[in-house]
Amino acid sequence: MKILIVDDEPAIADTLAYALSAEGYATDRCGLGREALERAASPGYALIILDVGLPDMSGFDVCRELRRRSDIPVLFLTARAEEVDRIVGLELGADDYVAKPFSPRELVSRVRAILRRARGNGHESAPAAPPAPGGASTSPFQVDREGLRIACKGQWLALTRYEYLLLACLLEHPGRVYSRAVLMDKVWRDAEETEERTVDTHVKTLRAKLRAVLAGRDPIVTHRGLGYSIDP
C-alpha cells in the first residue's frame, strides 16, 4: 500500500515516512496542496496524510476538492487543535484528525485502522456482508467488531473512525437512550479536549450515510434534552 504524505515541514514528513516504512507501507511526499491534488488524480494511493497548514492552499480546501472526485481515505495532520477545526475537517469527509505534536506509533495505528475499514467499505477485495442470523430481517445491521466495520442491508458502510464507534455503541442496546456525556465517554475517551457538540456533528454525518442505504429512513432517534438512541 502506498501513502501520500502532504506536509511542507521536511522533519515531520521524514518522521512519518520512516514510521510508515517500518510498518511496510510505501510513501510519496509533497509539500503543496495543488501538487497533492495532481498526484491523487492518479491511481495507486491507499490513503493521504494531509497537513492543514500548507503554503499554497488550506488542507481543508484540498480535502473538499478531493471529495468531489474521490473517496480516498484522508487523515488530517495539524498544529491546530481547536474543536471547530476538527469538526470542519470531519464534516469535509476526513477519516481521522491528529494534532501535532503526535506519537508516530499512534499515527501508524490510526492509519492501519483507517485502511482496515477502507478494505471493508465496498472495495473489490472486500467480502460480502454476512446475512442476518437465520435469514431473519429483524435488524438491517451487522457489526464486525474484529474488522471494525458495520454493514447495513448487506452493504458495508463507509464510516470514519468515530462514526463507526458511535454507531457500534448505539447498536449495543437498540432503543436505549444514550446521553451525550455517555457517548463522549464511550466513543471519544481518547480525545479529552473534544466537546459534546461533536456528538451532534457525527450524528448528522452518520444519518446522511444511513439514509442513503435505507431509502431515506432515519433509524437514529433524537431525544431532546436527553440524547440519542437507535430505532430497534
C-alpha atoms as a PDB file:
ATOM      1  CA  MET A   1       0.000   0.000   0.000  1.00  0.00           C
ATOM      2  CA  LYS A   2       1.247   3.472  -0.902  1.00  0.00           C
ATOM      3  CA  ILE A   3       0.518   6.518   1.269  1.00  0.00           C
ATOM      4  CA  LEU A   4       0.824  10.137   0.144  1.00  0.00           C
ATOM      5  CA  ILE A   5       2.267  12.464   2.790  1.00  0.00           C
ATOM      6  CA  VAL A   6       1.343  16.112   2.194  1.00  0.00           C
ATOM      7  CA  ASP A   7       3.347  18.315   4.571  1.00  0.00           C
ATOM      8  CA  ASP A   8       5.728  21.210   3.888  1.00  0.00           C
ATOM      9  CA  GLU A   9       7.841  20.539   7.006  1.00  0.00           C
ATOM     10  CA  PRO A  10      10.639  18.122   5.971  1.00  0.00           C
ATOM     11  CA  ALA A  11      11.300  16.941   9.531  1.00  0.00           C
ATOM     12  CA  ILE A  12       7.682  15.871  10.015  1.00  0.00           C
ATOM     13  CA  ALA A  13       7.466  14.299   6.572  1.00  0.00           C
ATOM     14  CA  ASP A  14      10.690  12.365   7.264  1.00  0.00           C
ATOM     15  CA  THR A  15       9.347  11.129  10.614  1.00  0.00           C
ATOM     16  CA  LEU A  16       6.100   9.977   9.003  1.00  0.00           C
ATOM     17  CA  ALA A  17       7.855   8.264   6.105  1.00  0.00           C
ATOM     18  CA  TYR A  18      10.215   6.416   8.451  1.00  0.00           C
ATOM     19  CA  ALA A  19       7.430   5.257  10.791  1.00  0.00           C
ATOM     20  CA  LEU A  20       5.230   4.091   7.915  1.00  0.00           C
ATOM     21  CA  SER A  21       8.031   2.341   6.035  1.00  0.00           C
ATOM     22  CA  ALA A  22       8.902   0.447   9.229  1.00  0.00           C
ATOM     23  CA  GLU A  23       5.379  -0.993   9.079  1.00  0.00           C
ATOM     24  CA  GLY A  24       5.719  -1.994   5.436  1.00  0.00           C
ATOM     25  CA  TYR A  25       3.983   0.961   3.770  1.00  0.00           C
ATOM     26  CA  ALA A  26       5.411   2.741   0.738  1.00  0.00           C
ATOM     27  CA  THR A  27       5.261   6.547   0.799  1.00  0.00           C
ATOM     28  CA  ASP A  28       5.391   9.533  -1.521  1.00  0.00           C
ATOM     29  CA  ARG A  29       5.786  13.112  -0.318  1.00  0.00           C
ATOM     30  CA  CYS A  30       4.873  16.596  -1.467  1.00  0.00           C
ATOM     31  CA  GLY A  31       4.545  19.967   0.240  1.00  0.00           C
ATOM     32  CA  LEU A  32       1.852  21.755  -1.793  1.00  0.00           C
ATOM     33  CA  GLY A  33      -1.887  21.262  -1.962  1.00  0.00           C
ATOM     34  CA  ARG A  34      -2.136  21.576  -5.734  1.00  0.00           C
ATOM     35  CA  GLU A  35       0.592  19.012  -6.240  1.00  0.00           C
ATOM     36  CA  ALA A  36      -1.266  16.707  -3.858  1.00  0.00           C
ATOM     37  CA  LEU A  37      -4.431  17.022  -5.963  1.00  0.00           C
ATOM     38  CA  GLU A  38      -2.469  16.205  -9.113  1.00  0.00           C
ATOM     39  CA  ARG A  39      -0.893  13.136  -7.545  1.00  0.00           C
ATOM     40  CA  ALA A  40      -4.166  11.946  -6.036  1.00  0.00           C
ATOM     41  CA  ALA A  41      -5.712  12.009  -9.520  1.00  0.00           C
ATOM     42  CA  SER A  42      -3.574   9.013 -10.491  1.00  0.00           C
ATOM     43  CA  PRO A  43      -4.390   5.583  -9.037  1.00  0.00           C
ATOM     44  CA  GLY A  44      -2.200   3.785  -6.548  1.00  0.00           C
ATOM     45  CA  TYR A  45      -2.613   5.653  -3.270  1.00  0.00           C
ATOM     46  CA  ALA A  46      -4.432   3.927  -0.406  1.00  0.00           C
ATOM     47  CA  LEU A  47      -4.516   6.941   1.939  1.00  0.00           C
ATOM     48  CA  ILE A  48      -3.463  10.593   2.189  1.00  0.00           C
ATOM     49  CA  ILE A  49      -1.967  12.177   5.309  1.00  0.00           C
ATOM     50  CA  LEU A  50      -2.805  15.830   4.817  1.00  0.00           C
ATOM     51  CA  ASP A  51      -1.443  18.822   6.722  1.00  0.00           C
ATOM     52  CA  VAL A  52      -3.997  21.590   7.206  1.00  0.00           C
ATOM     53  CA  GLY A  53      -1.477  24.451   7.003  1.00  0.00           C
ATOM     54  CA  LEU A  54       0.007  24.226   3.518  1.00  0.00           C
ATOM     55  CA  PRO A  55       1.782  27.164   1.800  1.00  0.00           C
ATOM     56  CA  ASP A  56      -0.432  27.420  -1.276  1.00  0.00           C
ATOM     57  CA  MET A  57      -3.876  26.380  -0.061  1.00  0.00           C
ATOM     58  CA  SER A  58      -5.607  25.092   3.046  1.00  0.00           C
ATOM     59  CA  GLY A  59      -5.678  21.361   3.652  1.00  0.00           C
ATOM     60  CA  PHE A  60      -9.424  21.805   4.151  1.00  0.00           C
ATOM     61  CA  ASP A  61      -9.696  23.103   0.578  1.00  0.00           C
ATOM     62  CA  VAL A  62      -7.609  20.179  -0.669  1.00  0.00           C
ATOM     63  CA  CYS A  63      -9.914  17.718   1.081  1.00  0.00           C
ATOM     64  CA  ARG A  64     -13.019  19.489  -0.234  1.00  0.00           C
ATOM     65  CA  GLU A  65     -11.709  19.202  -3.796  1.00  0.00           C
ATOM     66  CA  LEU A  66     -10.706  15.565  -3.278  1.00  0.00           C
ATOM     67  CA  ARG A  67     -14.172  14.634  -2.072  1.00  0.00           C
ATOM     68  CA  ARG A  68     -15.702  15.921  -5.312  1.00  0.00           C
ATOM     69  CA  ARG A  69     -13.993  13.135  -7.239  1.00  0.00           C
ATOM     70  CA  SER A  70     -12.625  10.531  -4.835  1.00  0.00           C
ATOM     71  CA  ASP A  71     -13.381   8.670  -1.609  1.00  0.00           C
ATOM     72  CA  ILE A  72      -9.713   8.000  -0.820  1.00  0.00           C
ATOM     73  CA  PRO A  73      -9.215   7.990   2.975  1.00  0.00           C
ATOM     74  CA  VAL A  74      -7.783  11.209   4.423  1.00  0.00           C
ATOM     75  CA  LEU A  75      -6.092  11.717   7.792  1.00  0.00           C
ATOM     76  CA  PHE A  76      -5.621  15.368   8.769  1.00  0.00           C
ATOM     77  CA  LEU A  77      -2.388  16.355  10.486  1.00  0.00           C
ATOM     78  CA  THR A  78      -2.299  19.805  12.037  1.00  0.00           C
ATOM     79  CA  ALA A  79      -0.949  22.033  14.775  1.00  0.00           C
ATOM     80  CA  ARG A  80      -4.447  23.493  15.173  1.00  0.00           C
ATOM     81  CA  ALA A  81      -6.230  21.510  17.872  1.00  0.00           C
ATOM     82  CA  GLU A  82      -9.309  23.704  18.232  1.00  0.00           C
ATOM     83  CA  GLU A  83     -12.647  21.913  18.331  1.00  0.00           C
ATOM     84  CA  VAL A  84     -14.057  23.865  15.381  1.00  0.00           C
ATOM     85  CA  ASP A  85     -11.145  22.777  13.179  1.00  0.00           C
ATOM     86  CA  ARG A  86     -11.703  19.116  13.984  1.00  0.00           C
ATOM     87  CA  ILE A  87     -15.412  19.430  13.258  1.00  0.00           C
ATOM     88  CA  VAL A  88     -14.762  21.177   9.932  1.00  0.00           C
ATOM     89  CA  GLY A  89     -12.260  18.512   8.917  1.00  0.00           C
ATOM     90  CA  LEU A  90     -14.583  15.633   9.758  1.00  0.00           C
ATOM     91  CA  GLU A  91     -17.567  17.261   8.074  1.00  0.00           C
ATOM     92  CA  LEU A  92     -15.476  17.616   4.907  1.00  0.00           C
ATOM     93  CA  GLY A  93     -15.083  13.850   4.869  1.00  0.00           C
ATOM     94  CA  ALA A  94     -11.790  13.241   6.672  1.00  0.00           C
ATOM     95  CA  ASP A  95     -11.426   9.839   8.292  1.00  0.00           C
ATOM     96  CA  ASP A  96      -9.406  10.985  11.288  1.00  0.00           C
ATOM     97  CA  TYR A  97      -7.648  14.015  12.752  1.00  0.00           C
ATOM     98  CA  VAL A  98      -4.285  14.065  14.565  1.00  0.00           C
ATOM     99  CA  ALA A  99      -2.844  17.170  16.224  1.00  0.00           C
ATOM    100  CA  LYS A 100       0.849  17.991  16.410  1.00  0.00           C
ATOM    101  CA  PRO A 101       2.942  17.046  18.278  1.00  0.00           C
ATOM    102  CA  PHE A 102       1.952  13.445  17.714  1.00  0.00           C
ATOM    103  CA  SER A 103       3.186   9.977  18.526  1.00  0.00           C
ATOM    104  CA  PRO A 104       4.378   8.233  15.323  1.00  0.00           C
ATOM    105  CA  ARG A 105       3.258   4.909  16.784  1.00  0.00           C
ATOM    106  CA  GLU A 106      -0.256   6.216  17.451  1.00  0.00           C
ATOM    107  CA  LEU A 107      -0.471   7.767  13.995  1.00  0.00           C
ATOM    108  CA  VAL A 108       0.573   4.500  12.319  1.00  0.00           C
ATOM    109  CA  SER A 109      -2.040   2.693  14.413  1.00  0.00           C
ATOM    110  CA  ARG A 110      -4.716   5.084  13.181  1.00  0.00           C
ATOM    111  CA  VAL A 111      -3.547   4.665   9.588  1.00  0.00           C
ATOM    112  CA  ARG A 112      -3.808   0.904   9.987  1.00  0.00           C
ATOM    113  CA  ALA A 113      -7.358   1.187  11.372  1.00  0.00           C
ATOM    114  CA  ILE A 114      -8.464   3.519   8.547  1.00  0.00           C
ATOM    115  CA  LEU A 115      -7.098   1.162   5.892  1.00  0.00           C
ATOM    116  CA  ARG A 116      -8.739  -1.820   7.574  1.00  0.00           C
ATOM    117  CA  ARG A 117     -12.092  -0.055   7.434  1.00  0.00           C
ATOM    118  CA  ALA A 118     -11.476   1.023   3.835  1.00  0.00           C
ATOM    119  CA  ARG A 119     -10.908  -2.582   2.774  1.00  0.00           C
ATOM    120  CA  GLY A 120     -14.321  -3.411   4.137  1.00  0.00           C
ATOM    121  CA  ASN A 121     -16.174  -0.415   2.739  1.00  0.00           C
ATOM    122  CA  GLY A 122     -17.127  -1.637  -0.702  1.00  0.00           C
ATOM    123  CA  HIS A 123     -13.702  -2.204  -2.291  1.00  0.00           C
ATOM    124  CA  GLU A 124     -13.374  -5.040  -4.759  1.00  0.00           C
ATOM    125  CA  SER A 125     -11.445  -7.266  -2.385  1.00  0.00           C
ATOM    126  CA  ALA A 126     -13.973  -6.942   0.427  1.00  0.00           C
ATOM    127  CA  PRO A 127     -16.099  -9.995   1.238  1.00  0.00           C
ATOM    128  CA  ALA A 128     -19.839  -9.749   1.055  1.00  0.00           C
ATOM    129  CA  ALA A 129     -21.584  -8.642   4.209  1.00  0.00           C
ATOM    130  CA  PRO A 130     -22.948 -11.527   6.269  1.00  0.00           C
ATOM    131  CA  PRO A 131     -26.660 -12.298   6.149  1.00  0.00           C
ATOM    132  CA  ALA A 132     -28.769 -11.734   9.212  1.00  0.00           C
ATOM    133  CA  PRO A 133     -28.699 -14.742  11.583  1.00  0.00           C
ATOM    134  CA  GLY A 134     -31.055 -17.472  10.457  1.00  0.00           C
ATOM    135  CA  GLY A 135     -32.087 -15.384   7.462  1.00  0.00           C
ATOM    136  CA  ALA A 136     -34.095 -13.121   9.767  1.00  0.00           C
ATOM    137  CA  SER A 137     -34.559  -9.476   8.896  1.00  0.00           C
ATOM    138  CA  THR A 138     -35.207  -8.099  12.389  1.00  0.00           C
ATOM    139  CA  SER A 139     -32.305  -5.669  12.021  1.00  0.00           C
ATOM    140  CA  PRO A 140     -30.658  -4.283   8.900  1.00  0.00           C
ATOM    141  CA  PHE A 141     -27.308  -4.021  10.698  1.00  0.00           C
ATOM    142  CA  GLN A 142     -24.422  -6.462  11.087  1.00  0.00           C
ATOM    143  CA  VAL A 143     -21.443  -5.409  13.202  1.00  0.00           C
ATOM    144  CA  ASP A 144     -17.991  -6.868  12.503  1.00  0.00           C
ATOM    145  CA  ARG A 145     -16.066  -5.806  15.609  1.00  0.00           C
ATOM    146  CA  GLU A 146     -12.865  -7.565  14.591  1.00  0.00           C
ATOM    147  CA  GLY A 147     -12.866  -5.845  11.203  1.00  0.00           C
ATOM    148  CA  LEU A 148     -14.109  -2.547  12.705  1.00  0.00           C
ATOM    149  CA  ARG A 149     -16.907  -2.221  10.159  1.00  0.00           C
ATOM    150  CA  ILE A 150     -20.693  -2.268  10.016  1.00  0.00           C
ATOM    151  CA  ALA A 151     -22.988  -3.481   7.255  1.00  0.00           C
ATOM    152  CA  CYS A 152     -26.485  -2.139   6.639  1.00  0.00           C
ATOM    153  CA  LYS A 153     -28.860  -4.147   4.454  1.00  0.00           C
ATOM    154  CA  GLY A 154     -25.940  -6.244   3.226  1.00  0.00           C
ATOM    155  CA  GLN A 155     -23.768  -3.239   2.305  1.00  0.00           C
ATOM    156  CA  TRP A 156     -20.620  -2.237   4.187  1.00  0.00           C
ATOM    157  CA  LEU A 157     -20.895   1.388   5.299  1.00  0.00           C
ATOM    158  CA  ALA A 158     -18.098   3.857   4.524  1.00  0.00           C
ATOM    159  CA  LEU A 159     -17.600   5.099   8.082  1.00  0.00           C
ATOM    160  CA  THR A 160     -14.911   7.210   9.666  1.00  0.00           C
ATOM    161  CA  ARG A 161     -13.336   6.041  12.909  1.00  0.00           C
ATOM    162  CA  TYR A 162     -15.710   7.908  15.199  1.00  0.00           C
ATOM    163  CA  GLU A 163     -18.783   7.225  13.059  1.00  0.00           C
ATOM    164  CA  TYR A 164     -18.054   3.514  13.406  1.00  0.00           C
ATOM    165  CA  LEU A 165     -17.578   3.777  17.183  1.00  0.00           C
ATOM    166  CA  LEU A 166     -20.736   5.875  17.564  1.00  0.00           C
ATOM    167  CA  LEU A 167     -22.958   3.543  15.541  1.00  0.00           C
ATOM    168  CA  ALA A 168     -21.500   0.438  17.202  1.00  0.00           C
ATOM    169  CA  CYS A 169     -22.257   1.974  20.593  1.00  0.00           C
ATOM    170  CA  LEU A 170     -25.884   2.752  19.692  1.00  0.00           C
ATOM    171  CA  LEU A 171     -26.337  -0.762  18.288  1.00  0.00           C
ATOM    172  CA  GLU A 172     -25.172  -2.410  21.510  1.00  0.00           C
ATOM    173  CA  HIS A 173     -28.601  -1.715  23.042  1.00  0.00           C
ATOM    174  CA  PRO A 174     -31.163  -0.670  20.395  1.00  0.00           C
ATOM    175  CA  GLY A 175     -33.808   1.574  21.904  1.00  0.00           C
ATOM    176  CA  ARG A 176     -31.624   2.664  24.819  1.00  0.00           C
ATOM    177  CA  VAL A 177     -31.175   6.427  25.120  1.00  0.00           C
ATOM    178  CA  TYR A 178     -27.511   7.430  25.365  1.00  0.00           C
ATOM    179  CA  SER A 179     -26.807  10.895  26.714  1.00  0.00           C
ATOM    180  CA  ARG A 180     -24.113  12.997  25.042  1.00  0.00           C
ATOM    181  CA  ALA A 181     -21.953  12.621  28.138  1.00  0.00           C
ATOM    182  CA  VAL A 182     -22.162   8.826  27.972  1.00  0.00           C
ATOM    183  CA  LEU A 183     -21.392   8.813  24.243  1.00  0.00           C
ATOM    184  CA  MET A 184     -18.411  11.099  24.834  1.00  0.00           C
ATOM    185  CA  ASP A 185     -17.091   8.677  27.459  1.00  0.00           C
ATOM    186  CA  LYS A 186     -17.603   5.616  25.269  1.00  0.00           C
ATOM    187  CA  VAL A 187     -16.628   6.974  21.842  1.00  0.00           C
ATOM    188  CA  TRP A 188     -14.273   9.905  22.432  1.00  0.00           C
ATOM    189  CA  ARG A 189     -12.484   8.687  25.560  1.00  0.00           C
ATOM    190  CA  ASP A 190      -9.093   9.148  23.845  1.00  0.00           C
ATOM    191  CA  ALA A 191      -9.864  12.749  22.827  1.00  0.00           C
ATOM    192  CA  GLU A 192     -10.127  14.567  26.132  1.00  0.00           C
ATOM    193  CA  GLU A 193     -10.263  18.062  24.615  1.00  0.00           C
ATOM    194  CA  THR A 194     -13.296  17.228  22.456  1.00  0.00           C
ATOM    195  CA  GLU A 195     -16.565  18.935  23.373  1.00  0.00           C
ATOM    196  CA  GLU A 196     -20.054  17.405  23.487  1.00  0.00           C
ATOM    197  CA  ARG A 197     -21.246  19.188  20.341  1.00  0.00           C
ATOM    198  CA  THR A 198     -19.028  16.897  18.272  1.00  0.00           C
ATOM    199  CA  VAL A 199     -21.577  14.164  19.057  1.00  0.00           C
ATOM    200  CA  ASP A 200     -24.238  16.137  17.158  1.00  0.00           C
ATOM    201  CA  THR A 201     -21.864  16.673  14.233  1.00  0.00           C
ATOM    202  CA  HIS A 202     -21.140  12.961  13.907  1.00  0.00           C
ATOM    203  CA  VAL A 203     -24.805  12.033  14.284  1.00  0.00           C
ATOM    204  CA  LYS A 204     -25.530  14.387  11.366  1.00  0.00           C
ATOM    205  CA  THR A 205     -22.938  12.808   9.045  1.00  0.00           C
ATOM    206  CA  LEU A 206     -23.906   9.297  10.162  1.00  0.00           C
ATOM    207  CA  ARG A 207     -27.578   9.968   9.453  1.00  0.00           C
ATOM    208  CA  ALA A 208     -26.775  11.056   5.903  1.00  0.00           C
ATOM    209  CA  LYS A 209     -24.925   7.794   5.217  1.00  0.00           C
ATOM    210  CA  LEU A 210     -27.686   5.662   6.731  1.00  0.00           C
ATOM    211  CA  ARG A 211     -30.437   7.448   4.798  1.00  0.00           C
ATOM    212  CA  ALA A 212     -28.590   6.726   1.558  1.00  0.00           C
ATOM    213  CA  VAL A 213     -28.801   2.988   2.272  1.00  0.00           C
ATOM    214  CA  LEU A 214     -32.206   2.912   3.991  1.00  0.00           C
ATOM    215  CA  ALA A 215     -34.129   4.761   1.270  1.00  0.00           C
ATOM    216  CA  GLY A 216     -34.425   7.950   3.282  1.00  0.00           C
ATOM    217  CA  ARG A 217     -35.352   6.344   6.601  1.00  0.00           C
ATOM    218  CA  ASP A 218     -33.505   7.650   9.653  1.00  0.00           C
ATOM    219  CA  PRO A 219     -33.002   4.994  12.354  1.00  0.00           C
ATOM    220  CA  ILE A 220     -31.310   7.403  14.805  1.00  0.00           C
ATOM    221  CA  VAL A 221     -33.816   8.996  17.191  1.00  0.00           C
ATOM    222  CA  THR A 222     -33.170  12.344  18.875  1.00  0.00           C
ATOM    223  CA  HIS A 223     -34.495  12.659  22.438  1.00  0.00           C
ATOM    224  CA  ARG A 224     -34.471  16.383  23.138  1.00  0.00           C
ATOM    225  CA  GLY A 225     -32.550  17.218  26.272  1.00  0.00           C
ATOM    226  CA  LEU A 226     -31.640  13.571  26.766  1.00  0.00           C
ATOM    227  CA  GLY A 227     -29.551  12.202  23.923  1.00  0.00           C
ATOM    228  CA  TYR A 228     -29.823   9.668  21.095  1.00  0.00           C
ATOM    229  CA  SER A 229     -30.980   6.114  20.503  1.00  0.00           C
ATOM    230  CA  ILE A 230     -31.288   3.838  17.501  1.00  0.00           C
ATOM    231  CA  ASP A 231     -34.681   2.524  16.449  1.00  0.00           C
ATOM    232  CA  PRO A 232     -34.824  -1.161  17.405  1.00  0.00           C
END
